[in-house]
C-alpha cells in the first residue's frame, strides 16, 4: 500500500503534501528535520492520509492535491 498525506505546520501556517509507504515513519522524518523545506516548520501535524493501492495512484493523487493546493483541496472535500 501507498499513502498520500497532508501535514500542517502551525509555525509556518503552511501545508505539506507527500506520498510514502509508511506515514508514521515519514512524519517522524519530517519532524526530525530530514527535509529541506519541512525542517523549517517543525512540528508537523498529520491532517489526513489517503490509502492508495499502487504507487502510480498515489503519485497521481499527490499531484492533484498539489495542483489544487492542500488547503483548498481539504475545503473542497469538507475535510478542513
PDB file of N, CA and C in Angstrom:
ATOM      1  N   UNK A   1       0.829  -1.190   0.000  1.00  0.00           N
ATOM      2  CA  UNK A   1       0.000   0.000   0.000  1.00  0.00           C
ATOM      3  C   UNK A   1       0.870   1.249   0.000  1.00  0.00           C
ATOM      4  N   UNK A   2       0.338   2.284  -0.590  1.00  0.00           N
ATOM      5  CA  UNK A   2       0.987   3.589  -0.622  1.00  0.00           C
ATOM      6  C   UNK A   2       0.011   4.602  -0.048  1.00  0.00           C
ATOM      7  N   UNK A   3       0.535   5.681   0.457  1.00  0.00           N
ATOM      8  CA  UNK A   3      -0.293   6.695   1.108  1.00  0.00           C
ATOM      9  C   UNK A   3       0.099   8.080   0.637  1.00  0.00           C
ATOM     10  N   UNK A   4      -0.898   8.922   0.492  1.00  0.00           N
ATOM     11  CA  UNK A   4      -0.691  10.342   0.269  1.00  0.00           C
ATOM     12  C   UNK A   4      -1.106  11.005   1.569  1.00  0.00           C
ATOM     13  N   UNK A   5      -0.275  11.932   2.046  1.00  0.00           N
ATOM     14  CA  UNK A   5      -0.557  12.550   3.338  1.00  0.00           C
ATOM     15  C   UNK A   5      -0.461  14.065   3.232  1.00  0.00           C
ATOM     16  N   UNK A   6      -1.205  14.719   4.118  1.00  0.00           N
ATOM     17  CA  UNK A   6      -1.160  16.172   4.219  1.00  0.00           C
ATOM     18  C   UNK A   6      -0.764  16.515   5.646  1.00  0.00           C
ATOM     19  N   UNK A   7       0.299  17.310   5.758  1.00  0.00           N
ATOM     20  CA  UNK A   7       0.776  17.777   7.050  1.00  0.00           C
ATOM     21  C   UNK A   7       0.509  19.272   7.166  1.00  0.00           C
ATOM     22  N   UNK A   8       0.473  19.764   8.417  1.00  0.00           N
ATOM     23  CA  UNK A   8       0.326  21.200   8.646  1.00  0.00           C
ATOM     24  C   UNK A   8       1.320  21.651   9.691  1.00  0.00           C
ATOM     25  N   UNK A   9       1.901  22.824   9.445  1.00  0.00           N
ATOM     26  CA  UNK A   9       2.811  23.449  10.394  1.00  0.00           C
ATOM     27  C   UNK A   9       2.156  24.705  10.938  1.00  0.00           C
ATOM     28  N   UNK A  10       1.919  24.743  12.242  1.00  0.00           N
ATOM     29  CA  UNK A  10       1.333  25.937  12.864  1.00  0.00           C
ATOM     30  C   UNK A  10       2.300  27.103  12.825  1.00  0.00           C
ATOM     31  N   UNK A  11       3.586  26.826  12.965  1.00  0.00           N
ATOM     32  CA  UNK A  11       4.569  27.913  12.988  1.00  0.00           C
ATOM     33  C   UNK A  11       4.690  28.602  11.627  1.00  0.00           C
ATOM     34  N   UNK A  12       4.561  27.854  10.545  1.00  0.00           N
ATOM     35  CA  UNK A  12       4.631  28.433   9.201  1.00  0.00           C
ATOM     36  C   UNK A  12       3.258  28.761   8.626  1.00  0.00           C
ATOM     37  N   UNK A  13       2.205  28.160   9.214  1.00  0.00           N
ATOM     38  CA  UNK A  13       0.854  28.244   8.660  1.00  0.00           C
ATOM     39  C   UNK A  13       0.852  27.755   7.212  1.00  0.00           C
ATOM     40  N   UNK A  14       1.510  26.614   6.994  1.00  0.00           N
ATOM     41  CA  UNK A  14       1.602  26.019   5.671  1.00  0.00           C
ATOM     42  C   UNK A  14       1.284  24.538   5.730  1.00  0.00           C
ATOM     43  N   UNK A  15       0.868  24.030   4.573  1.00  0.00           N
ATOM     44  CA  UNK A  15       0.609  22.608   4.406  1.00  0.00           C
ATOM     45  C   UNK A  15       1.734  21.985   3.602  1.00  0.00           C
ATOM     46  N   UNK A  16       1.898  20.682   3.790  1.00  0.00           N
ATOM     47  CA  UNK A  16       2.872  19.920   3.020  1.00  0.00           C
ATOM     48  C   UNK A  16       2.183  18.646   2.556  1.00  0.00           C
ATOM     49  N   UNK A  17       2.355  18.298   1.299  1.00  0.00           N
ATOM     50  CA  UNK A  17       1.749  17.095   0.725  1.00  0.00           C
ATOM     51  C   UNK A  17       2.859  16.167   0.258  1.00  0.00           C
ATOM     52  N   UNK A  18       2.738  14.894   0.591  1.00  0.00           N
ATOM     53  CA  UNK A  18       3.733  13.926   0.165  1.00  0.00           C
ATOM     54  C   UNK A  18       3.116  12.546   0.015  1.00  0.00           C
ATOM     55  N   UNK A  19       3.921  11.591  -0.436  1.00  0.00           N
ATOM     56  CA  UNK A  19       3.454  10.212  -0.545  1.00  0.00           C
ATOM     57  C   UNK A  19       4.539   9.286  -0.017  1.00  0.00           C
ATOM     58  N   UNK A  20       4.113   8.145   0.502  1.00  0.00           N
ATOM     59  CA  UNK A  20       5.034   7.222   1.151  1.00  0.00           C
ATOM     60  C   UNK A  20       4.379   5.859   1.315  1.00  0.00           C
ATOM     61  N   UNK A  21       5.182   4.890   1.740  1.00  0.00           N
ATOM     62  CA  UNK A  21       4.645   3.580   2.100  1.00  0.00           C
ATOM     63  C   UNK A  21       4.402   3.481   3.604  1.00  0.00           C
ATOM     64  N   UNK A  22       4.996   4.375   4.389  1.00  0.00           N
ATOM     65  CA  UNK A  22       4.879   4.330   5.842  1.00  0.00           C
ATOM     66  C   UNK A  22       4.703   5.753   6.380  1.00  0.00           C
ATOM     67  N   UNK A  23       3.460   6.142   6.618  1.00  0.00           N
ATOM     68  CA  UNK A  23       3.149   7.514   7.022  1.00  0.00           C
ATOM     69  C   UNK A  23       3.800   7.878   8.358  1.00  0.00           C
ATOM     70  N   UNK A  24       3.738   6.991   9.337  1.00  0.00           N
ATOM     71  CA  UNK A  24       4.300   7.304  10.655  1.00  0.00           C
ATOM     72  C   UNK A  24       5.805   7.527  10.589  1.00  0.00           C
ATOM     73  N   UNK A  25       6.494   6.681   9.857  1.00  0.00           N
ATOM     74  CA  UNK A  25       7.941   6.836   9.704  1.00  0.00           C
ATOM     75  C   UNK A  25       8.277   8.136   8.982  1.00  0.00           C
ATOM     76  N   UNK A  26       7.510   8.449   7.947  1.00  0.00           N
ATOM     77  CA  UNK A  26       7.760   9.671   7.181  1.00  0.00           C
ATOM     78  C   UNK A  26       7.497  10.912   8.035  1.00  0.00           C
ATOM     79  N   UNK A  27       6.442  10.894   8.831  1.00  0.00           N
ATOM     80  CA  UNK A  27       6.151  12.016   9.724  1.00  0.00           C
ATOM     81  C   UNK A  27       7.294  12.209  10.724  1.00  0.00           C
ATOM     82  N   UNK A  28       7.802  11.118  11.222  1.00  0.00           N
ATOM     83  CA  UNK A  28       8.931  11.170  12.153  1.00  0.00           C
ATOM     84  C   UNK A  28      10.150  11.811  11.468  1.00  0.00           C
ATOM     85  N   UNK A  29      10.387  11.457  10.219  1.00  0.00           N
ATOM     86  CA  UNK A  29      11.495  12.054   9.465  1.00  0.00           C
ATOM     87  C   UNK A  29      11.310  13.567   9.303  1.00  0.00           C
ATOM     88  N   UNK A  30      10.090  13.968   8.942  1.00  0.00           N
ATOM     89  CA  UNK A  30       9.819  15.400   8.780  1.00  0.00           C
ATOM     90  C   UNK A  30      10.066  16.139  10.093  1.00  0.00           C
ATOM     91  N   UNK A  31       9.624  15.569  11.195  1.00  0.00           N
ATOM     92  CA  UNK A  31       9.751  16.232  12.483  1.00  0.00           C
ATOM     93  C   UNK A  31      11.151  16.140  13.088  1.00  0.00           C
ATOM     94  N   UNK A  32      12.028  15.374  12.464  1.00  0.00           N
ATOM     95  CA  UNK A  32      13.405  15.325  12.941  1.00  0.00           C
ATOM     96  C   UNK A  32      14.316  16.187  12.073  1.00  0.00           C
ATOM     97  N   UNK A  33      13.722  16.944  11.137  1.00  0.00           N
ATOM     98  CA  UNK A  33      14.480  17.881  10.321  1.00  0.00           C
ATOM     99  C   UNK A  33      15.173  17.282   9.122  1.00  0.00           C
ATOM    100  N   UNK A  34      14.683  16.156   8.612  1.00  0.00           N
ATOM    101  CA  UNK A  34      15.345  15.491   7.485  1.00  0.00           C
ATOM    102  C   UNK A  34      14.833  15.935   6.117  1.00  0.00           C
ATOM    103  N   UNK A  35      14.270  17.114   6.051  1.00  0.00           N
ATOM    104  CA  UNK A  35      13.825  17.640   4.759  1.00  0.00           C
ATOM    105  C   UNK A  35      14.145  19.116   4.691  1.00  0.00           C
ATOM    106  N   UNK A  36      14.573  19.587   3.534  1.00  0.00           N
ATOM    107  CA  UNK A  36      14.992  20.982   3.435  1.00  0.00           C
ATOM    108  C   UNK A  36      13.840  21.948   3.700  1.00  0.00           C
ATOM    109  N   UNK A  37      12.645  21.659   3.200  1.00  0.00           N
ATOM    110  CA  UNK A  37      11.504  22.537   3.449  1.00  0.00           C
ATOM    111  C   UNK A  37      10.897  22.271   4.813  1.00  0.00           C
ATOM    112  N   UNK A  38      10.700  21.018   5.147  1.00  0.00           N
ATOM    113  CA  UNK A  38       9.942  20.702   6.359  1.00  0.00           C
ATOM    114  C   UNK A  38      10.701  20.963   7.647  1.00  0.00           C
ATOM    115  N   UNK A  39      12.026  21.041   7.610  1.00  0.00           N
ATOM    116  CA  UNK A  39      12.755  21.298   8.856  1.00  0.00           C
ATOM    117  C   UNK A  39      12.452  22.692   9.406  1.00  0.00           C
ATOM    118  N   UNK A  40      11.987  23.593   8.551  1.00  0.00           N
ATOM    119  CA  UNK A  40      11.643  24.949   8.990  1.00  0.00           C
ATOM    120  C   UNK A  40      10.324  24.997   9.753  1.00  0.00           C
ATOM    121  N   UNK A  41       9.469  24.002   9.570  1.00  0.00           N
ATOM    122  CA  UNK A  41       8.125  24.071  10.135  1.00  0.00           C
ATOM    123  C   UNK A  41       7.838  23.120  11.271  1.00  0.00           C
ATOM    124  N   UNK A  42       8.858  22.550  11.869  1.00  0.00           N
ATOM    125  CA  UNK A  42       8.674  21.595  12.969  1.00  0.00           C
ATOM    126  C   UNK A  42       7.943  22.284  14.118  1.00  0.00           C
ATOM    127  N   UNK A  43       6.951  21.673  14.724  1.00  0.00           N
ATOM    128  CA  UNK A  43       6.446  20.327  14.493  1.00  0.00           C
ATOM    129  C   UNK A  43       5.361  20.300  13.413  1.00  0.00           C
ATOM    130  N   UNK A  44       5.357  19.232  12.654  1.00  0.00           N
ATOM    131  CA  UNK A  44       4.339  18.992  11.639  1.00  0.00           C
ATOM    132  C   UNK A  44       3.285  18.070  12.225  1.00  0.00           C
ATOM    133  N   UNK A  45       2.032  18.375  11.947  1.00  0.00           N
ATOM    134  CA  UNK A  45       0.918  17.535  12.397  1.00  0.00           C
ATOM    135  C   UNK A  45       0.279  16.868  11.192  1.00  0.00           C
ATOM    136  N   UNK A  46      -0.016  15.599  11.328  1.00  0.00           N
ATOM    137  CA  UNK A  46      -0.690  14.869  10.257  1.00  0.00           C
ATOM    138  C   UNK A  46      -2.158  15.273  10.245  1.00  0.00           C
ATOM    139  N   UNK A  47      -2.618  15.830   9.129  1.00  0.00           N
ATOM    140  CA  UNK A  47      -4.011  16.241   8.982  1.00  0.00           C
ATOM    141  C   UNK A  47      -4.848  15.065   8.485  1.00  0.00           C
ATOM    142  N   UNK A  48      -4.365  14.406   7.440  1.00  0.00           N
ATOM    143  CA  UNK A  48      -5.102  13.275   6.860  1.00  0.00           C
ATOM    144  C   UNK A  48      -4.158  12.470   5.977  1.00  0.00           C
ATOM    145  N   UNK A  49      -4.472  11.201   5.802  1.00  0.00           N
ATOM    146  CA  UNK A  49      -3.753  10.381   4.829  1.00  0.00           C
ATOM    147  C   UNK A  49      -4.768   9.584   4.024  1.00  0.00           C
ATOM    148  N   UNK A  50      -4.431   9.354   2.776  1.00  0.00           N
ATOM    149  CA  UNK A  50      -5.291   8.618   1.854  1.00  0.00           C
ATOM    150  C   UNK A  50      -4.555   7.360   1.416  1.00  0.00           C
ATOM    151  N   UNK A  51      -5.237   6.235   1.487  1.00  0.00           N
ATOM    152  CA  UNK A  51      -4.645   4.957   1.101  1.00  0.00           C
ATOM    153  C   UNK A  51      -4.819   4.739  -0.400  1.00  0.00           C
ATOM    154  N   UNK A  52      -3.741   4.342  -1.052  1.00  0.00           N
ATOM    155  CA  UNK A  52      -3.761   4.051  -2.487  1.00  0.00           C
ATOM    156  C   UNK A  52      -3.205   2.647  -2.706  1.00  0.00           C
ATOM    157  N   UNK A  53      -3.699   1.972  -3.711  1.00  0.00           N
ATOM    158  CA  UNK A  53      -3.279   0.596  -3.974  1.00  0.00           C
ATOM    159  C   UNK A  53      -1.905   0.558  -4.649  1.00  0.00           C
ATOM    160  N   UNK A  54      -1.675   1.471  -5.580  1.00  0.00           N
ATOM    161  CA  UNK A  54      -0.413   1.458  -6.315  1.00  0.00           C
ATOM    162  C   UNK A  54       0.348   2.774  -6.122  1.00  0.00           C
ATOM    163  N   UNK A  55       1.642   2.728  -6.383  1.00  0.00           N
ATOM    164  CA  UNK A  55       2.460   3.941  -6.319  1.00  0.00           C
ATOM    165  C   UNK A  55       1.979   4.953  -7.351  1.00  0.00           C
ATOM    166  N   UNK A  56       1.621   4.469  -8.524  1.00  0.00           N
ATOM    167  CA  UNK A  56       1.128   5.337  -9.586  1.00  0.00           C
ATOM    168  C   UNK A  56      -0.110   6.113  -9.123  1.00  0.00           C
ATOM    169  N   UNK A  57      -1.024   5.420  -8.474  1.00  0.00           N
ATOM    170  CA  UNK A  57      -2.243   6.051  -7.965  1.00  0.00           C
ATOM    171  C   UNK A  57      -1.892   7.117  -6.917  1.00  0.00           C
ATOM    172  N   UNK A  58      -0.935   6.813  -6.050  1.00  0.00           N
ATOM    173  CA  UNK A  58      -0.562   7.773  -5.007  1.00  0.00           C
ATOM    174  C   UNK A  58       0.100   9.015  -5.610  1.00  0.00           C
ATOM    175  N   UNK A  59       0.931   8.833  -6.625  1.00  0.00           N
ATOM    176  CA  UNK A  59       1.583   9.973  -7.275  1.00  0.00           C
ATOM    177  C   UNK A  59       0.548  10.852  -7.968  1.00  0.00           C
ATOM    178  N   UNK A  60      -0.435  10.233  -8.610  1.00  0.00           N
ATOM    179  CA  UNK A  60      -1.484  10.995  -9.289  1.00  0.00           C
ATOM    180  C   UNK A  60      -2.299  11.812  -8.287  1.00  0.00           C
ATOM    181  N   UNK A  61      -2.652  11.198  -7.158  1.00  0.00           N
ATOM    182  CA  UNK A  61      -3.418  11.913  -6.143  1.00  0.00           C
ATOM    183  C   UNK A  61      -2.581  13.038  -5.529  1.00  0.00           C
ATOM    184  N   UNK A  62      -1.320  12.763  -5.256  1.00  0.00           N
ATOM    185  CA  UNK A  62      -0.424  13.787  -4.705  1.00  0.00           C
ATOM    186  C   UNK A  62      -0.356  14.996  -5.637  1.00  0.00           C
ATOM    187  N   UNK A  63      -0.200  14.757  -6.924  1.00  0.00           N
ATOM    188  CA  UNK A  63      -0.126  15.859  -7.890  1.00  0.00           C
ATOM    189  C   UNK A  63      -1.454  16.618  -7.984  1.00  0.00           C
ATOM    190  N   UNK A  64      -2.550  15.901  -7.900  1.00  0.00           N
ATOM    191  CA  UNK A  64      -3.871  16.531  -7.936  1.00  0.00           C
ATOM    192  C   UNK A  64      -4.048  17.471  -6.743  1.00  0.00           C
ATOM    193  N   UNK A  65      -3.645  17.024  -5.568  1.00  0.00           N
ATOM    194  CA  UNK A  65      -3.759  17.848  -4.358  1.00  0.00           C
ATOM    195  C   UNK A  65      -2.835  19.060  -4.461  1.00  0.00           C
ATOM    196  N   UNK A  66      -1.600  18.839  -4.896  1.00  0.00           N
ATOM    197  CA  UNK A  66      -0.647  19.946  -5.016  1.00  0.00           C
ATOM    198  C   UNK A  66      -1.114  20.984  -6.035  1.00  0.00           C
ATOM    199  N   UNK A  67      -1.710  20.520  -7.120  1.00  0.00           N
ATOM    200  CA  UNK A  67      -2.193  21.434  -8.156  1.00  0.00           C
ATOM    201  C   UNK A  67      -3.318  22.311  -7.617  1.00  0.00           C
ATOM    202  N   UNK A  68      -4.195  21.737  -6.837  1.00  0.00           N
ATOM    203  CA  UNK A  68      -5.324  22.477  -6.271  1.00  0.00           C
ATOM    204  C   UNK A  68      -4.898  23.309  -5.066  1.00  0.00           C
ATOM    205  N   UNK A  69      -3.904  22.830  -4.355  1.00  0.00           N
ATOM    206  CA  UNK A  69      -3.487  23.447  -3.097  1.00  0.00           C
ATOM    207  C   UNK A  69      -4.093  22.650  -1.964  1.00  0.00           C
ATOM    208  N   UNK A  70      -3.303  22.278  -0.989  1.00  0.00           N
ATOM    209  CA  UNK A  70      -3.771  21.400   0.085  1.00  0.00           C
ATOM    210  C   UNK A  70      -4.946  22.000   0.846  1.00  0.00           C
ATOM    211  N   UNK A  71      -4.860  23.280   1.176  1.00  0.00           N
ATOM    212  CA  UNK A  71      -5.936  23.918   1.942  1.00  0.00           C
ATOM    213  C   UNK A  71      -7.249  23.904   1.163  1.00  0.00           C
ATOM    214  N   UNK A  72      -7.186  24.279  -0.114  1.00  0.00           N
ATOM    215  CA  UNK A  72      -8.399  24.271  -0.942  1.00  0.00           C
ATOM    216  C   UNK A  72      -8.918  22.858  -1.167  1.00  0.00           C
ATOM    217  N   UNK A  73      -8.013  21.897  -1.352  1.00  0.00           N
ATOM    218  CA  UNK A  73      -8.426  20.506  -1.534  1.00  0.00           C
ATOM    219  C   UNK A  73      -9.187  20.022  -0.300  1.00  0.00           C
ATOM    220  N   UNK A  74      -8.664  20.321   0.876  1.00  0.00           N
ATOM    221  CA  UNK A  74      -9.330  19.922   2.120  1.00  0.00           C
ATOM    222  C   UNK A  74     -10.702  20.591   2.246  1.00  0.00           C
ATOM    223  N   UNK A  75     -10.772  21.866   1.907  1.00  0.00           N
ATOM    224  CA  UNK A  75     -12.058  22.589   1.974  1.00  0.00           C
ATOM    225  C   UNK A  75     -13.053  22.032   0.960  1.00  0.00           C
ATOM    226  N   UNK A  76     -12.598  21.761  -0.262  1.00  0.00           N
ATOM    227  CA  UNK A  76     -13.466  21.217  -1.309  1.00  0.00           C
ATOM    228  C   UNK A  76     -14.111  19.900  -0.907  1.00  0.00           C
ATOM    229  N   UNK A  77     -13.378  19.106  -0.104  1.00  0.00           N
ATOM    230  CA  UNK A  77     -13.865  17.789   0.295  1.00  0.00           C
ATOM    231  C   UNK A  77     -14.350  17.758   1.742  1.00  0.00           C
ATOM    232  N   UNK A  78     -14.635  18.944   2.289  1.00  0.00           N
ATOM    233  CA  UNK A  78     -15.136  19.079   3.657  1.00  0.00           C
ATOM    234  C   UNK A  78     -14.273  18.349   4.675  1.00  0.00           C
ATOM    235  N   UNK A  79     -12.961  18.474   4.520  1.00  0.00           N
ATOM    236  CA  UNK A  79     -12.021  17.811   5.432  1.00  0.00           C
ATOM    237  C   UNK A  79     -11.318  18.823   6.320  1.00  0.00           C
ATOM    238  N   UNK A  80     -11.570  20.105   6.108  1.00  0.00           N
ATOM    239  CA  UNK A  80     -10.915  21.145   6.920  1.00  0.00           C
ATOM    240  C   UNK A  80     -11.932  21.907   7.723  1.00  0.00           C
TER     241      UNK A  80
END
